[in-house]
Amino acid sequence: MATIAEAVHDLLKANEALQGREDEAKAIVQEWMNQQGHNRCHYYPELFKKLADLYGIKQTVDSCLPLREEFEAGCRKYQEEEYGPKS
């Protein structure tokens, strides 16, 4: 049976590991937030893969992209919501 000191030590180590994971996740999200220009509106599978790997999340469905027209409409919507309508 673990002593109270050992249990506290284990909890502190676990907390440090979680804090490290949180810091890493924040850095990954910050990497996306710092994208500029044309890159800002694109999906970044490598960043989301890093987050999934960090949290041990596995893809459960096959990837599927919309038709180009639907994709471009989504880009226009994103641009208008983030930066206002084109003049």
C-alpha atoms as a PDB file:
ATOM      1  CA  MET A   1       0.000   0.000   0.000  1.00  0.00           C
ATOM      2  CA  ALA A   2       1.299   3.435  -1.001  1.00  0.00           C
ATOM      3  CA  THR A   3       1.977   6.035   1.619  1.00  0.00           C
ATOM      4  CA  ILE A   4       0.270   9.407   1.487  1.00  0.00           C
ATOM      5  CA  ALA A   5       3.561  10.986   0.402  1.00  0.00           C
ATOM      6  CA  GLU A   6       3.873   8.481  -2.470  1.00  0.00           C
ATOM      7  CA  ALA A   7       0.285   9.079  -3.525  1.00  0.00           C
ATOM      8  CA  VAL A   8       0.809  12.851  -3.517  1.00  0.00           C
ATOM      9  CA  HIS A   9       4.040  12.415  -5.475  1.00  0.00           C
ATOM     10  CA  ASP A  10       2.204  10.288  -8.070  1.00  0.00           C
ATOM     11  CA  LEU A  11      -0.576  12.863  -8.362  1.00  0.00           C
ATOM     12  CA  LEU A  12       1.931  15.676  -8.857  1.00  0.00           C
ATOM     13  CA  LYS A  13       3.743  13.706 -11.580  1.00  0.00           C
ATOM     14  CA  ALA A  14       0.415  13.002 -13.323  1.00  0.00           C
ATOM     15  CA  ASN A  15      -0.490  16.684 -13.090  1.00  0.00           C
ATOM     16  CA  GLU A  16       2.863  17.657 -14.632  1.00  0.00           C
ATOM     17  CA  ALA A  17       2.253  15.249 -17.520  1.00  0.00           C
ATOM     18  CA  LEU A  18      -1.227  16.688 -18.121  1.00  0.00           C
ATOM     19  CA  GLN A  19       0.126  20.234 -18.004  1.00  0.00           C
ATOM     20  CA  GLY A  20       2.767  19.301 -20.564  1.00  0.00           C
ATOM     21  CA  ARG A  21       0.106  17.832 -22.832  1.00  0.00           C
ATOM     22  CA  GLU A  22      -2.051  20.939 -22.441  1.00  0.00           C
ATOM     23  CA  ASP A  23       0.898  23.199 -23.285  1.00  0.00           C
ATOM     24  CA  GLU A  24       1.651  21.119 -26.379  1.00  0.00           C
ATOM     25  CA  ALA A  25      -2.005  21.227 -27.471  1.00  0.00           C
ATOM     26  CA  LYS A  26      -2.058  25.007 -27.043  1.00  0.00           C
ATOM     27  CA  ALA A  27       1.084  25.320 -29.189  1.00  0.00           C
ATOM     28  CA  ILE A  28      -0.529  23.232 -31.944  1.00  0.00           C
ATOM     29  CA  VAL A  29      -3.682  25.368 -31.916  1.00  0.00           C
ATOM     30  CA  GLN A  30      -1.540  28.534 -31.852  1.00  0.00           C
ATOM     31  CA  GLU A  31       0.259  27.250 -34.968  1.00  0.00           C
ATOM     32  CA  TRP A  32      -3.096  27.222 -36.788  1.00  0.00           C
ATOM     33  CA  MET A  33      -4.204  30.570 -35.364  1.00  0.00           C
ATOM     34  CA  ASN A  34      -1.024  32.197 -36.696  1.00  0.00           C
ATOM     35  CA  GLN A  35      -1.670  31.186 -40.303  1.00  0.00           C
ATOM     36  CA  GLN A  36      -2.064  34.193 -42.582  1.00  0.00           C
ATOM     37  CA  GLY A  37      -3.385  35.094 -46.010  1.00  0.00           C
ATOM     38  CA  HIS A  38      -4.590  32.320 -48.280  1.00  0.00           C
ATOM     39  CA  ASN A  39      -3.353  29.674 -45.830  1.00  0.00           C
ATOM     40  CA  ARG A  40      -5.660  30.955 -43.106  1.00  0.00           C
ATOM     41  CA  CYS A  41      -8.773  29.492 -44.702  1.00  0.00           C
ATOM     42  CA  HIS A  42      -7.423  26.022 -45.344  1.00  0.00           C
ATOM     43  CA  TYR A  43      -7.871  22.900 -43.319  1.00  0.00           C
ATOM     44  CA  TYR A  44      -4.595  21.728 -41.797  1.00  0.00           C
ATOM     45  CA  PRO A  45      -4.707  17.947 -41.491  1.00  0.00           C
ATOM     46  CA  GLU A  46      -1.159  17.811 -40.128  1.00  0.00           C
ATOM     47  CA  LEU A  47      -2.074  20.063 -37.184  1.00  0.00           C
ATOM     48  CA  PHE A  48      -5.228  18.144 -36.357  1.00  0.00           C
ATOM     49  CA  LYS A  49      -3.281  14.871 -36.682  1.00  0.00           C
ATOM     50  CA  LYS A  50      -0.795  16.199 -34.102  1.00  0.00           C
ATOM     51  CA  LEU A  51      -3.685  16.952 -31.728  1.00  0.00           C
ATOM     52  CA  ALA A  52      -5.265  13.548 -32.348  1.00  0.00           C
ATOM     53  CA  ASP A  53      -1.930  11.825 -31.718  1.00  0.00           C
ATOM     54  CA  LEU A  54      -1.393  13.870 -28.553  1.00  0.00           C
ATOM     55  CA  TYR A  55      -4.716  12.700 -27.149  1.00  0.00           C
ATOM     56  CA  GLY A  56      -4.641   9.199 -28.633  1.00  0.00           C
ATOM     57  CA  ILE A  57      -7.684   9.852 -30.825  1.00  0.00           C
ATOM     58  CA  LYS A  58      -8.156   7.470 -33.758  1.00  0.00           C
ATOM     59  CA  GLN A  59     -10.174   8.225 -36.902  1.00  0.00           C
ATOM     60  CA  THR A  60     -13.378   6.165 -36.910  1.00  0.00           C
ATOM     61  CA  VAL A  61     -14.775   7.082 -40.344  1.00  0.00           C
ATOM     62  CA  ASP A  62     -13.195   7.434 -43.782  1.00  0.00           C
ATOM     63  CA  SER A  63     -12.219  10.931 -44.931  1.00  0.00           C
ATOM     64  CA  CYS A  64     -14.516  12.558 -47.462  1.00  0.00           C
ATOM     65  CA  LEU A  65     -14.282  15.982 -49.079  1.00  0.00           C
ATOM     66  CA  PRO A  66     -17.254  17.936 -50.464  1.00  0.00           C
ATOM     67  CA  LEU A  67     -17.600  18.699 -54.163  1.00  0.00           C
ATOM     68  CA  ARG A  68     -15.420  21.618 -55.305  1.00  0.00           C
ATOM     69  CA  GLU A  69     -18.395  24.014 -55.570  1.00  0.00           C
ATOM     70  CA  GLU A  70     -19.440  23.237 -51.995  1.00  0.00           C
ATOM     71  CA  PHE A  71     -15.822  23.551 -50.827  1.00  0.00           C
ATOM     72  CA  GLU A  72     -15.419  26.947 -52.501  1.00  0.00           C
ATOM     73  CA  ALA A  73     -18.729  28.137 -51.036  1.00  0.00           C
ATOM     74  CA  GLY A  74     -17.414  27.156 -47.609  1.00  0.00           C
ATOM     75  CA  CYS A  75     -14.237  29.158 -48.238  1.00  0.00           C
ATOM     76  CA  ARG A  76     -16.292  32.207 -49.259  1.00  0.00           C
ATOM     77  CA  LYS A  77     -18.474  31.854 -46.152  1.00  0.00           C
ATOM     78  CA  TYR A  78     -15.395  31.578 -43.939  1.00  0.00           C
ATOM     79  CA  GLN A  79     -13.819  34.662 -45.527  1.00  0.00           C
ATOM     80  CA  GLU A  80     -17.002  36.707 -45.120  1.00  0.00           C
ATOM     81  CA  GLU A  81     -17.478  35.621 -41.494  1.00  0.00           C
ATOM     82  CA  GLU A  82     -13.852  36.297 -40.561  1.00  0.00           C
ATOM     83  CA  TYR A  83     -13.129  39.408 -42.633  1.00  0.00           C
ATOM     84  CA  GLY A  84     -16.461  40.763 -43.885  1.00  0.00           C
ATOM     85  CA  PRO A  85     -17.908  40.691 -47.413  1.00  0.00           C
ATOM     86  CA  LYS A  86     -15.563  41.367 -50.339  1.00  0.00           C
ATOM     87  CA  SER A  87     -15.790  44.923 -51.609  1.00  0.00           C
END
